Amino acid sequence: MVSGPLVLDRYGVPRPPATAASREFGRRLRAQREKLHLTQERLAQRGEMSYSTISDLERGRANPTFDVILKLAQLLDTDPGALLSGLKPDDA
């Protein structure tokens, strides 16, 4: 089980602390974005999402939906598997 301080989202709603898997997903997302010389803002514009969503994903503070993973992989010219391969839930 993941423990840590209570974190509130921008609406004041509690969200769970980042897991090792979500942090690694975010690290991979950031690395691919930077490889393509994209800012968070530019990637967000291309994906029709907010830059704070990209930031939250990269910091492991948000869990993307399946559709968002597919969209990000397409925008970053990578396979979705490259972003997800080998990730496991913390309780596995």
Protein backbone atom coordinates (compact mmCIF):
# COMPACT_ATOMS: atom_id res chain seq x y z
CA MET A 1 0.00 0.00 0.00
CA VAL A 2 1.18 3.53 -0.81
CA SER A 3 1.42 5.99 2.02
CA GLY A 4 2.22 9.66 2.02
CA PRO A 5 0.80 13.08 2.66
CA LEU A 6 -2.71 13.92 1.55
CA VAL A 7 -2.59 15.80 -1.74
CA LEU A 8 -5.46 17.91 -3.03
CA ASP A 9 -6.13 18.52 -6.69
CA ARG A 10 -6.84 21.97 -8.10
CA TYR A 11 -10.46 21.62 -6.99
CA GLY A 12 -9.58 20.71 -3.41
CA VAL A 13 -10.45 17.04 -3.90
CA PRO A 14 -8.07 14.58 -2.20
CA ARG A 15 -6.11 12.39 -4.56
CA PRO A 16 -3.97 9.40 -3.78
CA PRO A 17 -0.19 9.79 -3.53
CA ALA A 18 1.87 8.93 -6.58
CA THR A 19 2.78 5.28 -7.01
CA ALA A 20 6.06 3.95 -8.34
CA ALA A 21 4.27 2.95 -11.56
CA SER A 22 2.69 6.37 -12.08
CA ARG A 23 6.02 8.10 -11.42
CA GLU A 24 7.78 5.83 -13.93
CA PHE A 25 5.04 6.41 -16.51
CA GLY A 26 5.52 10.15 -15.98
CA ARG A 27 9.30 9.85 -16.34
CA ARG A 28 8.85 8.03 -19.65
CA LEU A 29 6.28 10.55 -20.84
CA ARG A 30 8.59 13.48 -20.01
CA ALA A 31 11.61 11.82 -21.65
CA GLN A 32 9.73 11.24 -24.90
CA ARG A 33 8.28 14.77 -24.86
CA GLU A 34 11.74 16.28 -24.32
CA LYS A 35 13.23 14.03 -27.02
CA LEU A 36 10.84 15.71 -29.45
CA HIS A 37 11.66 19.17 -28.04
CA LEU A 38 8.06 19.79 -27.00
CA THR A 39 7.01 21.87 -24.02
CA GLN A 40 4.25 20.69 -21.74
CA GLU A 41 2.14 23.53 -23.11
CA ARG A 42 2.69 22.52 -26.74
CA LEU A 43 1.93 18.86 -26.07
CA ALA A 44 -1.20 19.88 -24.18
CA GLN A 45 -2.35 22.05 -27.09
CA ARG A 46 -1.81 19.25 -29.58
CA GLY A 47 -3.69 16.83 -27.35
CA GLU A 48 -6.48 19.29 -26.55
CA MET A 49 -5.85 19.04 -22.81
CA SER A 50 -4.53 21.41 -20.19
CA TYR A 51 -0.82 21.80 -19.55
CA SER A 52 -1.52 21.10 -15.87
CA THR A 53 -2.79 17.65 -16.90
CA ILE A 54 0.51 16.97 -18.65
CA SER A 55 2.37 18.24 -15.60
CA ASP A 56 0.31 16.05 -13.26
CA LEU A 57 0.91 13.00 -15.45
CA GLU A 58 4.64 13.62 -15.60
CA ARG A 59 4.82 13.94 -11.81
CA GLY A 60 2.81 10.78 -11.29
CA ARG A 61 -0.04 12.74 -9.72
CA ALA A 62 -2.71 11.69 -12.21
CA ASN A 63 -3.74 8.41 -13.78
CA PRO A 64 -4.50 8.67 -17.49
CA THR A 65 -7.39 6.87 -19.12
CA PHE A 66 -6.72 4.32 -21.83
CA ASP A 67 -7.75 6.85 -24.50
CA VAL A 68 -5.37 9.49 -23.10
CA ILE A 69 -2.48 6.99 -23.15
CA LEU A 70 -3.23 6.19 -26.79
CA LYS A 71 -3.49 9.88 -27.70
CA LEU A 72 -0.24 10.78 -25.93
CA ALA A 73 1.61 7.89 -27.55
CA GLN A 74 0.41 9.02 -30.98
CA LEU A 75 1.36 12.66 -30.31
CA LEU A 76 4.78 11.57 -29.05
CA ASP A 77 5.36 9.24 -32.00
CA THR A 78 5.82 6.20 -29.80
CA ASP A 79 4.09 2.94 -29.07
CA PRO A 80 1.81 2.92 -26.01
CA GLY A 81 3.73 -0.13 -24.83
CA ALA A 82 6.88 1.96 -24.54
CA LEU A 83 5.11 4.08 -21.94
CA LEU A 84 3.63 1.11 -20.06
CA SER A 85 5.95 -1.86 -20.50
CA GLY A 86 6.98 -3.50 -17.25
CA LEU A 87 4.94 -1.23 -14.97
CA LYS A 88 3.28 -2.98 -12.04
CA PRO A 89 0.87 -1.83 -9.36
CA ASP A 90 2.53 -1.17 -6.01
CA ASP A 91 0.56 -3.93 -4.34
CA ALA A 92 1.61 -6.61 -6.86
